[in-house]
N, C-alpha and C. Protein backbone atom coordinates (compact mmCIF):
# COMPACT_ATOMS: atom_id res chain seq x y z
N MET A 1 30.93 19.15 -7.55
CA MET A 1 30.31 18.77 -6.64
C MET A 1 32.02 17.62 -5.59
N THR A 2 32.08 18.44 -4.44
CA THR A 2 33.28 17.65 -3.75
C THR A 2 33.10 16.34 -3.00
N ASP A 3 34.05 15.92 -2.39
CA ASP A 3 34.63 14.54 -2.85
C ASP A 3 33.10 13.80 -1.89
N THR A 4 33.55 14.93 -0.41
CA THR A 4 32.23 15.16 0.67
C THR A 4 30.49 14.54 -0.41
N GLY A 5 30.65 15.94 -0.63
CA GLY A 5 29.40 15.70 -1.23
C GLY A 5 29.00 13.46 -2.09
N ARG A 6 29.92 14.18 -3.17
CA ARG A 6 29.26 12.52 -3.46
C ARG A 6 29.94 11.32 -3.05
N ASP A 7 30.30 11.20 -1.80
CA ASP A 7 30.03 10.21 -1.10
C ASP A 7 29.27 10.38 0.38
N ASN A 8 28.73 11.47 0.10
CA ASN A 8 27.21 11.50 0.67
C ASN A 8 26.10 11.42 0.60
N ALA A 9 25.98 11.55 -1.57
CA ALA A 9 25.41 11.06 -1.85
C ALA A 9 25.26 9.50 -2.50
N ALA A 10 26.04 8.83 -3.27
CA ALA A 10 26.09 7.14 -2.65
C ALA A 10 26.02 6.75 -1.73
N SER A 11 26.89 7.31 -0.45
CA SER A 11 25.20 6.58 0.99
C SER A 11 24.28 6.38 0.83
N PHE A 12 23.55 8.38 0.08
CA PHE A 12 21.92 8.20 0.45
C PHE A 12 20.90 6.95 -0.36
N VAL A 13 21.85 7.73 -1.80
CA VAL A 13 21.24 6.05 -2.69
C VAL A 13 20.97 4.81 -2.66
N SER A 14 22.49 4.60 -1.46
CA SER A 14 22.95 3.36 -0.82
C SER A 14 21.86 2.85 0.24
N ILE A 15 21.13 4.04 0.88
CA ILE A 15 20.25 3.42 1.76
C ILE A 15 19.61 3.80 0.91
N ALA A 16 19.06 4.03 0.05
CA ALA A 16 17.73 4.68 -0.61
C ALA A 16 17.77 2.45 -1.60
N ASN A 17 18.32 2.49 -1.76
CA ASN A 17 17.86 1.57 -2.14
C ASN A 17 17.53 0.24 -1.70
N GLU A 18 19.17 -0.20 -0.08
CA GLU A 18 18.42 -1.06 0.79
C GLU A 18 16.78 -0.92 1.08
N LEU A 19 16.49 0.52 1.53
CA LEU A 19 15.63 0.27 1.78
C LEU A 19 13.61 0.09 1.09
N ILE A 20 14.05 0.66 -0.48
CA ILE A 20 13.14 0.15 -1.05
C ILE A 20 13.42 -1.91 -1.21
N ILE A 21 14.14 -2.19 -1.38
CA ILE A 21 14.41 -4.03 -1.17
C ILE A 21 13.43 -4.13 0.75
N VAL A 22 13.50 -3.37 1.44
CA VAL A 22 13.09 -4.81 2.32
C VAL A 22 11.58 -3.85 3.00
N ILE A 23 10.77 -2.17 2.26
CA ILE A 23 9.86 -2.35 2.39
C ILE A 23 9.50 -2.98 0.78
N ASN A 24 10.32 -3.99 -0.46
CA ASN A 24 9.02 -5.00 -1.23
C ASN A 24 9.51 -5.99 -0.85
N ILE A 25 10.43 -6.89 0.57
CA ILE A 25 10.44 -8.05 0.96
C ILE A 25 8.86 -7.71 2.65
N GLU A 26 8.75 -6.11 3.06
CA GLU A 26 7.31 -6.05 4.09
C GLU A 26 5.93 -5.93 2.95
N ILE A 27 5.78 -5.91 1.84
CA ILE A 27 4.19 -5.44 0.31
C ILE A 27 3.95 -6.73 0.31
N ASN A 28 5.24 -8.17 0.12
CA ASN A 28 5.13 -9.41 -0.16
C ASN A 28 4.47 -10.36 0.43
N LEU A 29 4.94 -10.00 2.19
CA LEU A 29 4.92 -10.35 3.15
C LEU A 29 4.35 -9.80 3.79
N LEU A 30 3.62 -8.72 3.44
CA LEU A 30 1.94 -8.02 4.07
C LEU A 30 0.28 -9.80 2.65
N MET A 31 1.26 -9.44 1.32
CA MET A 31 -0.09 -9.67 0.78
C MET A 31 -0.51 -11.26 1.18
N GLU A 32 0.83 -11.60 1.48
CA GLU A 32 0.77 -13.43 1.47
C GLU A 32 -0.62 -13.29 3.22
N LEU A 33 -1.25 -12.29 3.32
CA LEU A 33 -2.62 -12.37 4.68
C LEU A 33 -3.52 -12.40 3.45
N PHE A 34 -3.33 -12.21 1.90
CA PHE A 34 -4.82 -11.96 1.10
C PHE A 34 -5.08 -12.93 -0.20
N ASP A 35 -6.46 -13.42 0.16
CA ASP A 35 -6.14 -14.67 -1.14
C ASP A 35 -5.89 -13.61 -2.65
N LEU A 36 -4.67 -13.51 -3.31
CA LEU A 36 -5.00 -12.81 -5.09
C LEU A 36 -5.79 -12.32 -5.17
N THR A 37 -6.88 -14.20 -5.53
CA THR A 37 -7.85 -14.24 -6.65
C THR A 37 -8.75 -13.63 -6.92
N THR A 38 -9.55 -14.04 -5.01
CA THR A 38 -10.57 -13.04 -4.45
C THR A 38 -11.00 -11.83 -4.37
N LEU A 39 -10.01 -10.55 -4.56
CA LEU A 39 -8.75 -9.09 -4.50
C LEU A 39 -9.22 -8.79 -6.09
N LYS A 40 -8.50 -9.69 -6.73
CA LYS A 40 -8.92 -9.37 -8.29
C LYS A 40 -10.02 -9.94 -8.86
N ALA A 41 -10.41 -10.41 -7.96
CA ALA A 41 -12.61 -11.16 -8.06
C ALA A 41 -13.51 -9.91 -7.52
N ILE A 42 -13.19 -9.63 -6.44
CA ILE A 42 -13.21 -8.46 -6.68
C ILE A 42 -13.19 -7.00 -6.85
N GLY A 43 -11.77 -6.64 -7.80
CA GLY A 43 -11.81 -6.13 -8.17
C GLY A 43 -12.33 -5.69 -9.99
N ASN A 44 -12.77 -7.11 -10.02
CA ASN A 44 -13.14 -7.52 -11.55
C ASN A 44 -15.08 -6.94 -11.92
N LYS A 45 -15.28 -7.42 -10.68
CA LYS A 45 -16.47 -7.21 -10.45
C LYS A 45 -16.83 -5.61 -10.50
N LEU A 46 -16.37 -4.71 -9.36
CA LEU A 46 -16.79 -3.19 -8.88
C LEU A 46 -16.13 -2.33 -10.95
N LYS A 47 -15.20 -3.51 -11.12
CA LYS A 47 -14.79 -2.35 -12.39
C LYS A 47 -16.44 -2.67 -13.28
N ALA A 48 -17.01 -4.14 -13.39
CA ALA A 48 -17.89 -4.24 -14.82
C ALA A 48 -19.22 -3.63 -13.73
N LYS A 49 -19.49 -2.89 -12.25
CA LYS A 49 -20.23 -2.74 -12.13
C LYS A 49 -20.92 -1.12 -11.96
N LYS A 50 -19.20 -0.62 -12.63
CA LYS A 50 -19.03 0.79 -12.35
C LYS A 50 -19.38 1.41 -11.32
N GLN A 51 -18.43 0.46 -10.46
CA GLN A 51 -18.34 0.92 -9.33
C GLN A 51 -17.12 1.64 -8.17
N THR A 52 -17.38 2.36 -7.27
CA THR A 52 -16.08 2.07 -6.96
C THR A 52 -15.99 2.07 -5.73
N VAL A 53 -15.20 1.95 -4.43
CA VAL A 53 -15.48 2.19 -3.20
C VAL A 53 -14.52 2.51 -1.61
N ALA A 54 -14.31 3.08 -1.75
CA ALA A 54 -14.21 4.27 -0.25
C ALA A 54 -13.73 3.34 1.13
N LEU A 55 -12.54 3.36 1.78
CA LEU A 55 -12.68 2.55 3.39
C LEU A 55 -12.38 3.17 4.09
N ALA A 56 -13.23 3.03 5.37
CA ALA A 56 -13.26 3.37 6.94
C ALA A 56 -12.37 2.93 7.65
N GLU A 57 -10.89 2.53 8.11
CA GLU A 57 -10.26 1.24 9.57
C GLU A 57 -10.49 2.33 10.53
N SER A 58 -10.02 1.44 11.42
CA SER A 58 -9.76 1.73 12.63
C SER A 58 -8.38 0.59 13.34
N VAL A 59 -9.16 -0.50 13.38
CA VAL A 59 -8.58 -1.88 13.35
C VAL A 59 -7.43 -2.07 13.14
N THR A 60 -8.05 -2.12 11.34
CA THR A 60 -6.85 -2.61 10.10
C THR A 60 -6.12 -1.90 10.30
N SER A 61 -5.77 -1.15 10.68
CA SER A 61 -4.64 -0.10 10.08
C SER A 61 -4.23 0.68 9.11
N GLY A 62 -5.59 0.57 8.27
CA GLY A 62 -4.98 0.71 6.58
C GLY A 62 -4.50 -0.50 6.54
N LEU A 63 -4.29 -1.63 6.89
CA LEU A 63 -4.49 -2.86 5.48
C LEU A 63 -5.39 -3.19 4.51
N LEU A 64 -6.11 -3.06 5.26
CA LEU A 64 -8.13 -3.15 3.67
C LEU A 64 -7.24 -2.62 2.50
N GLN A 65 -6.93 -0.61 2.70
CA GLN A 65 -6.71 -0.15 1.98
C GLN A 65 -5.45 0.03 0.90
N PHE A 66 -4.36 -1.44 1.72
CA PHE A 66 -3.19 -1.28 1.17
C PHE A 66 -3.16 -3.00 0.10
N ALA A 67 -5.08 -3.18 0.79
CA ALA A 67 -4.69 -4.89 -0.19
C ALA A 67 -5.86 -4.19 -0.98
N PHE A 68 -6.40 -3.27 -0.87
CA PHE A 68 -7.66 -2.80 -2.29
C PHE A 68 -6.56 -2.52 -3.40
N SER A 69 -5.51 -1.67 -3.01
CA SER A 69 -4.67 -1.10 -3.65
C SER A 69 -3.50 -1.40 -4.60
N GLN A 70 -3.22 -3.03 -3.92
CA GLN A 70 -2.71 -4.16 -4.94
C GLN A 70 -3.57 -4.64 -5.76
N ILE A 71 -4.60 -5.05 -6.09
CA ILE A 71 -5.60 -4.93 -7.35
C ILE A 71 -5.67 -4.36 -8.30
N PRO A 72 -5.51 -4.69 -9.52
CA PRO A 72 -4.79 -4.95 -10.84
C PRO A 72 -5.93 -3.27 -11.62
N ASP A 73 -5.93 -2.47 -11.39
CA ASP A 73 -6.24 -1.71 -11.93
C ASP A 73 -6.91 -0.72 -10.90
N ALA A 74 -7.38 -0.88 -9.73
CA ALA A 74 -7.78 -0.73 -8.40
C ALA A 74 -8.48 0.63 -8.87
N ARG A 75 -7.10 2.09 -9.19
CA ARG A 75 -7.28 3.39 -9.48
C ARG A 75 -9.04 3.46 -10.68
N LEU A 76 -9.54 2.42 -10.52
CA LEU A 76 -10.52 2.42 -11.88
C LEU A 76 -11.81 2.51 -10.98
N PHE A 77 -12.14 2.00 -9.06
CA PHE A 77 -12.06 1.95 -8.60
C PHE A 77 -11.71 2.29 -7.03
N LEU A 78 -11.02 2.56 -6.46
CA LEU A 78 -10.64 2.60 -5.14
C LEU A 78 -10.42 4.50 -5.65
N GLN A 79 -11.52 4.88 -4.37
CA GLN A 79 -11.70 6.06 -4.55
C GLN A 79 -10.25 7.12 -3.05
N GLY A 80 -9.49 5.42 -2.02
CA GLY A 80 -9.09 5.95 -0.89
C GLY A 80 -10.09 5.69 0.43
N GLY A 81 -9.49 6.63 1.83
CA GLY A 81 -10.11 6.00 2.32
C GLY A 81 -9.67 6.28 3.98
N HIS A 82 -9.76 6.61 4.74
CA HIS A 82 -9.51 6.87 6.08
C HIS A 82 -8.99 5.89 7.39
N CYS A 83 -8.00 5.65 7.56
CA CYS A 83 -7.39 5.76 8.86
C CYS A 83 -7.40 5.99 10.28
N ILE A 84 -8.62 5.48 10.88
CA ILE A 84 -9.14 6.62 12.37
C ILE A 84 -8.91 5.77 13.65
N GLN A 85 -7.93 6.46 14.07
CA GLN A 85 -7.52 6.04 15.03
C GLN A 85 -7.48 6.83 16.93
N SER A 86 -8.22 6.21 17.74
CA SER A 86 -8.95 6.85 18.93
C SER A 86 -8.11 6.40 20.43
N ARG A 87 -7.89 7.23 21.70
CA ARG A 87 -7.76 7.11 22.46
C ARG A 87 -8.57 7.33 23.47
N ALA A 88 -9.48 7.90 22.81
CA ALA A 88 -10.69 8.52 23.50
C ALA A 88 -11.38 6.76 24.87
N LYS A 89 -11.65 7.24 25.76
CA LYS A 89 -12.39 5.68 26.05
C LYS A 89 -13.88 6.17 26.29
N ILE A 90 -14.66 5.61 26.41
CA ILE A 90 -15.98 5.32 25.92
C ILE A 90 -16.48 4.56 27.46
C-alpha cells in the first residue's frame, strides 16, 4: 500500500470513528424522549404473551420503530415496520 493509500485509510477510519461518536450521542438524545421503563414493560408483556408487533408510521418518521428496537431482546417481538410519507394533497 502506498503512503497515500495509508493516509486515505487512516483518514477514513478517523472519520468513521467520529461518525460513530455522533450517532451514539444522537441515539442517547433520542432515547431521552422515551421512558425506558415503559418500553421494557411493553417488551416484557409482548414476550410473555408470545406476541409480535409491526409498525406503520408517517408523522413520527420511524421514531417508534427506533424506540421499540432499543428494547432488550426486541428481535423476539419486533417484526419491523414501514415509514410512509406522501406529498399528495387530499
